[in-house]
Amino acid sequence: MCLSTVYKQQNGENVFLCKNVARVIPRGDVISLYDLMGVKTEIRGSILDVDLMENIILVKEEEA
């Protein structure tokens, strides 16, 4: 089983958002992230990079 850690890019830095992510559902400008226990985290933005070898997902949060 492959689980990923999600970081958001903020001011040129990668900031931890959530871990053990098993499912990612992008819908328009909202990304829903579900962890191993089914806990949902939503972020308004876009996916910048998915590294399956390192199990890292990088997202860019939309400015409010």
PDB file of N, CA and C in Angstrom:
ATOM      1  N   MET A   1       0.850  -1.166   0.000  1.00  0.00           N
ATOM      2  CA  MET A   1       0.000   0.000   0.000  1.00  0.00           C
ATOM      3  C   MET A   1       0.900   1.235   0.000  1.00  0.00           C
ATOM      4  N   CYS A   2       0.573   2.195  -0.853  1.00  0.00           N
ATOM      5  CA  CYS A   2       1.343   3.432  -0.946  1.00  0.00           C
ATOM      6  C   CYS A   2       0.536   4.582  -0.355  1.00  0.00           C
ATOM      7  N   LEU A   3       1.086   5.201   0.660  1.00  0.00           N
ATOM      8  CA  LEU A   3       0.473   6.364   1.278  1.00  0.00           C
ATOM      9  C   LEU A   3       1.398   7.544   1.085  1.00  0.00           C
ATOM     10  N   SER A   4       0.834   8.724   0.934  1.00  0.00           N
ATOM     11  CA  SER A   4       1.643   9.900   0.646  1.00  0.00           C
ATOM     12  C   SER A   4       1.529  10.953   1.740  1.00  0.00           C
ATOM     13  N   THR A   5       2.545  11.800   1.769  1.00  0.00           N
ATOM     14  CA  THR A   5       2.543  12.984   2.611  1.00  0.00           C
ATOM     15  C   THR A   5       2.302  14.175   1.700  1.00  0.00           C
ATOM     16  N   VAL A   6       1.437  15.090   2.133  1.00  0.00           N
ATOM     17  CA  VAL A   6       1.090  16.248   1.314  1.00  0.00           C
ATOM     18  C   VAL A   6       1.690  17.505   1.940  1.00  0.00           C
ATOM     19  N   TYR A   7       2.324  18.288   1.082  1.00  0.00           N
ATOM     20  CA  TYR A   7       2.883  19.571   1.484  1.00  0.00           C
ATOM     21  C   TYR A   7       2.250  20.649   0.620  1.00  0.00           C
ATOM     22  N   LYS A   8       2.095  21.851   1.193  1.00  0.00           N
ATOM     23  CA  LYS A   8       1.631  22.979   0.384  1.00  0.00           C
ATOM     24  C   LYS A   8       2.797  23.950   0.226  1.00  0.00           C
ATOM     25  N   GLN A   9       2.909  24.475  -0.969  1.00  0.00           N
ATOM     26  CA  GLN A   9       3.965  25.432  -1.243  1.00  0.00           C
ATOM     27  C   GLN A   9       3.508  26.797  -0.749  1.00  0.00           C
ATOM     28  N   GLN A  10       4.319  27.400   0.129  1.00  0.00           N
ATOM     29  CA  GLN A  10       3.958  28.675   0.729  1.00  0.00           C
ATOM     30  C   GLN A  10       5.217  29.523   0.869  1.00  0.00           C
ATOM     31  N   ASN A  11       5.235  30.656   0.183  1.00  0.00           N
ATOM     32  CA  ASN A  11       6.392  31.560   0.215  1.00  0.00           C
ATOM     33  C   ASN A  11       7.690  30.844  -0.155  1.00  0.00           C
ATOM     34  N   GLY A  12       7.619  29.986  -1.155  1.00  0.00           N
ATOM     35  CA  GLY A  12       8.800  29.268  -1.624  1.00  0.00           C
ATOM     36  C   GLY A  12       9.225  28.098  -0.757  1.00  0.00           C
ATOM     37  N   GLU A  13       8.478  27.816   0.295  1.00  0.00           N
ATOM     38  CA  GLU A  13       8.786  26.703   1.202  1.00  0.00           C
ATOM     39  C   GLU A  13       7.706  25.633   1.090  1.00  0.00           C
ATOM     40  N   ASN A  14       8.075  24.392   1.385  1.00  0.00           N
ATOM     41  CA  ASN A  14       7.106  23.303   1.446  1.00  0.00           C
ATOM     42  C   ASN A  14       6.677  23.116   2.892  1.00  0.00           C
ATOM     43  N   VAL A  15       5.394  23.351   3.159  1.00  0.00           N
ATOM     44  CA  VAL A  15       4.842  23.294   4.510  1.00  0.00           C
ATOM     45  C   VAL A  15       3.965  22.045   4.623  1.00  0.00           C
ATOM     46  N   PHE A  16       4.211  21.236   5.662  1.00  0.00           N
ATOM     47  CA  PHE A  16       3.452  20.007   5.895  1.00  0.00           C
ATOM     48  C   PHE A  16       1.961  20.312   5.997  1.00  0.00           C
ATOM     49  N   LEU A  17       1.155  19.485   5.323  1.00  0.00           N
ATOM     50  CA  LEU A  17      -0.303  19.629   5.364  1.00  0.00           C
ATOM     51  C   LEU A  17      -0.949  18.401   5.998  1.00  0.00           C
ATOM     52  N   CYS A  18      -0.663  17.206   5.493  1.00  0.00           N
ATOM     53  CA  CYS A  18      -1.205  15.989   6.086  1.00  0.00           C
ATOM     54  C   CYS A  18      -0.399  14.781   5.628  1.00  0.00           C
ATOM     55  N   LYS A  19      -0.544  13.679   6.365  1.00  0.00           N
ATOM     56  CA  LYS A  19       0.217  12.467   6.036  1.00  0.00           C
ATOM     57  C   LYS A  19      -0.713  11.270   5.913  1.00  0.00           C
ATOM     58  N   ASN A  20      -0.145  10.168   5.452  1.00  0.00           N
ATOM     59  CA  ASN A  20      -0.880   8.915   5.252  1.00  0.00           C
ATOM     60  C   ASN A  20      -2.070   9.090   4.319  1.00  0.00           C
ATOM     61  N   VAL A  21      -1.897   9.915   3.286  1.00  0.00           N
ATOM     62  CA  VAL A  21      -2.972  10.167   2.333  1.00  0.00           C
ATOM     63  C   VAL A  21      -3.092   8.977   1.379  1.00  0.00           C
ATOM     64  N   ALA A  22      -4.293   8.431   1.316  1.00  0.00           N
ATOM     65  CA  ALA A  22      -4.556   7.258   0.492  1.00  0.00           C
ATOM     66  C   ALA A  22      -5.356   7.591  -0.760  1.00  0.00           C
ATOM     67  N   ARG A  23      -6.052   8.747  -0.737  1.00  0.00           N
ATOM     68  CA  ARG A  23      -6.901   9.111  -1.878  1.00  0.00           C
ATOM     69  C   ARG A  23      -6.880  10.621  -2.088  1.00  0.00           C
ATOM     70  N   VAL A  24      -6.786  11.014  -3.353  1.00  0.00           N
ATOM     71  CA  VAL A  24      -6.787  12.425  -3.731  1.00  0.00           C
ATOM     72  C   VAL A  24      -7.869  12.613  -4.790  1.00  0.00           C
ATOM     73  N   ILE A  25      -8.785  13.559  -4.537  1.00  0.00           N
ATOM     74  CA  ILE A  25      -9.846  13.839  -5.499  1.00  0.00           C
ATOM     75  C   ILE A  25      -9.810  15.328  -5.834  1.00  0.00           C
ATOM     76  N   PRO A  26      -9.287  15.679  -7.027  1.00  0.00           N
ATOM     77  CA  PRO A  26      -9.317  17.080  -7.444  1.00  0.00           C
ATOM     78  C   PRO A  26     -10.634  17.371  -8.170  1.00  0.00           C
ATOM     79  N   ARG A  27     -11.306  18.430  -7.744  1.00  0.00           N
ATOM     80  CA  ARG A  27     -12.564  18.853  -8.381  1.00  0.00           C
ATOM     81  C   ARG A  27     -12.512  20.362  -8.558  1.00  0.00           C
ATOM     82  N   GLY A  28     -12.236  20.796  -9.768  1.00  0.00           N
ATOM     83  CA  GLY A  28     -12.102  22.221 -10.012  1.00  0.00           C
ATOM     84  C   GLY A  28     -10.925  22.767  -9.235  1.00  0.00           C
ATOM     85  N   ASP A  29     -11.187  23.762  -8.384  1.00  0.00           N
ATOM     86  CA  ASP A  29     -10.103  24.350  -7.604  1.00  0.00           C
ATOM     87  C   ASP A  29     -10.054  23.833  -6.168  1.00  0.00           C
ATOM     88  N   VAL A  30     -10.779  22.736  -5.882  1.00  0.00           N
ATOM     89  CA  VAL A  30     -10.757  22.128  -4.546  1.00  0.00           C
ATOM     90  C   VAL A  30     -10.163  20.730  -4.644  1.00  0.00           C
ATOM     91  N   ILE A  31      -9.199  20.458  -3.752  1.00  0.00           N
ATOM     92  CA  ILE A  31      -8.577  19.136  -3.689  1.00  0.00           C
ATOM     93  C   ILE A  31      -8.995  18.500  -2.369  1.00  0.00           C
ATOM     94  N   SER A  32      -9.619  17.337  -2.443  1.00  0.00           N
ATOM     95  CA  SER A  32      -9.997  16.584  -1.248  1.00  0.00           C
ATOM     96  C   SER A  32      -8.966  15.491  -1.025  1.00  0.00           C
ATOM     97  N   LEU A  33      -8.421  15.458   0.189  1.00  0.00           N
ATOM     98  CA  LEU A  33      -7.400  14.481   0.561  1.00  0.00           C
ATOM     99  C   LEU A  33      -7.965  13.599   1.662  1.00  0.00           C
ATOM    100  N   TYR A  34      -7.890  12.288   1.485  1.00  0.00           N
ATOM    101  CA  TYR A  34      -8.396  11.344   2.475  1.00  0.00           C
ATOM    102  C   TYR A  34      -7.239  10.512   2.999  1.00  0.00           C
ATOM    103  N   ASP A  35      -7.097  10.482   4.329  1.00  0.00           N
ATOM    104  CA  ASP A  35      -6.011   9.696   4.903  1.00  0.00           C
ATOM    105  C   ASP A  35      -6.449   8.245   5.107  1.00  0.00           C
ATOM    106  N   LEU A  36      -5.567   7.478   5.653  1.00  0.00           N
ATOM    107  CA  LEU A  36      -5.780   6.043   5.849  1.00  0.00           C
ATOM    108  C   LEU A  36      -7.028   5.742   6.677  1.00  0.00           C
ATOM    109  N   MET A  37      -7.373   6.626   7.602  1.00  0.00           N
ATOM    110  CA  MET A  37      -8.528   6.430   8.462  1.00  0.00           C
ATOM    111  C   MET A  37      -9.800   7.067   7.884  1.00  0.00           C
ATOM    112  N   GLY A  38      -9.700   7.649   6.683  1.00  0.00           N
ATOM    113  CA  GLY A  38     -10.855   8.256   6.045  1.00  0.00           C
ATOM    114  C   GLY A  38     -11.090   9.705   6.418  1.00  0.00           C
ATOM    115  N   VAL A  39     -10.162  10.300   7.176  1.00  0.00           N
ATOM    116  CA  VAL A  39     -10.288  11.708   7.559  1.00  0.00           C
ATOM    117  C   VAL A  39     -10.026  12.570   6.327  1.00  0.00           C
ATOM    118  N   LYS A  40     -10.938  13.512   6.095  1.00  0.00           N
ATOM    119  CA  LYS A  40     -10.888  14.342   4.896  1.00  0.00           C
ATOM    120  C   LYS A  40     -10.274  15.704   5.209  1.00  0.00           C
ATOM    121  N   THR A  41      -9.338  16.132   4.344  1.00  0.00           N
ATOM    122  CA  THR A  41      -8.769  17.470   4.393  1.00  0.00           C
ATOM    123  C   THR A  41      -9.004  18.092   3.034  1.00  0.00           C
ATOM    124  N   GLU A  42      -9.510  19.314   3.017  1.00  0.00           N
ATOM    125  CA  GLU A  42      -9.735  19.997   1.743  1.00  0.00           C
ATOM    126  C   GLU A  42      -8.855  21.231   1.653  1.00  0.00           C
ATOM    127  N   ILE A  43      -8.351  21.468   0.455  1.00  0.00           N
ATOM    128  CA  ILE A  43      -7.554  22.650   0.189  1.00  0.00           C
ATOM    129  C   ILE A  43      -8.012  23.239  -1.133  1.00  0.00           C
ATOM    130  N   ARG A  44      -8.118  24.552  -1.170  1.00  0.00           N
ATOM    131  CA  ARG A  44      -8.482  25.239  -2.412  1.00  0.00           C
ATOM    132  C   ARG A  44      -7.174  25.585  -3.108  1.00  0.00           C
ATOM    133  N   GLY A  45      -6.957  24.997  -4.272  1.00  0.00           N
ATOM    134  CA  GLY A  45      -5.716  25.227  -5.005  1.00  0.00           C
ATOM    135  C   GLY A  45      -5.543  24.223  -6.125  1.00  0.00           C
ATOM    136  N   SER A  46      -4.273  23.912  -6.396  1.00  0.00           N
ATOM    137  CA  SER A  46      -3.970  22.997  -7.498  1.00  0.00           C
ATOM    138  C   SER A  46      -2.800  22.095  -7.124  1.00  0.00           C
ATOM    139  N   ILE A  47      -2.725  20.961  -7.799  1.00  0.00           N
ATOM    140  CA  ILE A  47      -1.634  20.015  -7.590  1.00  0.00           C
ATOM    141  C   ILE A  47      -0.447  20.468  -8.435  1.00  0.00           C
ATOM    142  N   LEU A  48       0.714  20.626  -7.794  1.00  0.00           N
ATOM    143  CA  LEU A  48       1.927  21.024  -8.503  1.00  0.00           C
ATOM    144  C   LEU A  48       2.767  19.828  -8.921  1.00  0.00           C
ATOM    145  N   ASP A  49       2.843  18.815  -8.034  1.00  0.00           N
ATOM    146  CA  ASP A  49       3.730  17.684  -8.300  1.00  0.00           C
ATOM    147  C   ASP A  49       3.270  16.464  -7.504  1.00  0.00           C
ATOM    148  N   VAL A  50       3.376  15.308  -8.123  1.00  0.00           N
ATOM    149  CA  VAL A  50       3.118  14.037  -7.445  1.00  0.00           C
ATOM    150  C   VAL A  50       4.340  13.161  -7.674  1.00  0.00           C
ATOM    151  N   ASP A  51       5.057  12.857  -6.593  1.00  0.00           N
ATOM    152  CA  ASP A  51       6.254  12.017  -6.667  1.00  0.00           C
ATOM    153  C   ASP A  51       5.917  10.666  -6.038  1.00  0.00           C
ATOM    154  N   LEU A  52       5.625   9.683  -6.861  1.00  0.00           N
ATOM    155  CA  LEU A  52       5.210   8.371  -6.376  1.00  0.00           C
ATOM    156  C   LEU A  52       6.364   7.559  -5.809  1.00  0.00           C
ATOM    157  N   MET A  53       7.583   7.878  -6.216  1.00  0.00           N
ATOM    158  CA  MET A  53       8.757   7.180  -5.673  1.00  0.00           C
ATOM    159  C   MET A  53       9.031   7.624  -4.231  1.00  0.00           C
ATOM    160  N   GLU A  54       8.803   8.901  -3.945  1.00  0.00           N
ATOM    161  CA  GLU A  54       9.044   9.448  -2.604  1.00  0.00           C
ATOM    162  C   GLU A  54       7.755   9.569  -1.790  1.00  0.00           C
ATOM    163  N   ASN A  55       6.614   9.270  -2.413  1.00  0.00           N
ATOM    164  CA  ASN A  55       5.298   9.355  -1.759  1.00  0.00           C
ATOM    165  C   ASN A  55       5.016  10.761  -1.229  1.00  0.00           C
ATOM    166  N   ILE A  56       5.265  11.746  -2.102  1.00  0.00           N
ATOM    167  CA  ILE A  56       5.049  13.148  -1.753  1.00  0.00           C
ATOM    168  C   ILE A  56       4.128  13.793  -2.787  1.00  0.00           C
ATOM    169  N   ILE A  57       3.163  14.555  -2.300  1.00  0.00           N
ATOM    170  CA  ILE A  57       2.282  15.347  -3.158  1.00  0.00           C
ATOM    171  C   ILE A  57       2.471  16.804  -2.760  1.00  0.00           C
ATOM    172  N   LEU A  58       2.721  17.655  -3.747  1.00  0.00           N
ATOM    173  CA  LEU A  58       2.924  19.080  -3.511  1.00  0.00           C
ATOM    174  C   LEU A  58       1.764  19.843  -4.130  1.00  0.00           C
ATOM    175  N   VAL A  59       1.106  20.670  -3.316  1.00  0.00           N
ATOM    176  CA  VAL A  59      -0.021  21.464  -3.804  1.00  0.00           C
ATOM    177  C   VAL A  59       0.273  22.948  -3.613  1.00  0.00           C
ATOM    178  N   LYS A  60      -0.402  23.751  -4.411  1.00  0.00           N
ATOM    179  CA  LYS A  60      -0.305  25.192  -4.267  1.00  0.00           C
ATOM    180  C   LYS A  60      -1.659  25.691  -3.816  1.00  0.00           C
ATOM    181  N   GLU A  61      -1.693  26.312  -2.650  1.00  0.00           N
ATOM    182  CA  GLU A  61      -2.953  26.814  -2.102  1.00  0.00           C
ATOM    183  C   GLU A  61      -3.307  28.125  -2.802  1.00  0.00           C
ATOM    184  N   GLU A  62      -4.580  28.230  -3.142  1.00  0.00           N
ATOM    185  CA  GLU A  62      -5.085  29.425  -3.798  1.00  0.00           C
ATOM    186  C   GLU A  62      -5.163  30.563  -2.790  1.00  0.00           C
ATOM    187  N   GLU A  63      -4.772  31.750  -3.203  1.00  0.00           N
ATOM    188  CA  GLU A  63      -4.852  32.925  -2.338  1.00  0.00           C
ATOM    189  C   GLU A  63      -6.319  33.236  -2.046  1.00  0.00           C
ATOM    190  N   ALA A  64      -6.609  33.585  -0.819  1.00  0.00           N
ATOM    191  CA  ALA A  64      -7.995  33.883  -0.413  1.00  0.00           C
ATOM    192  C   ALA A  64      -8.404  35.283  -0.814  1.00  0.00           C
TER     193      ALA A  64
END
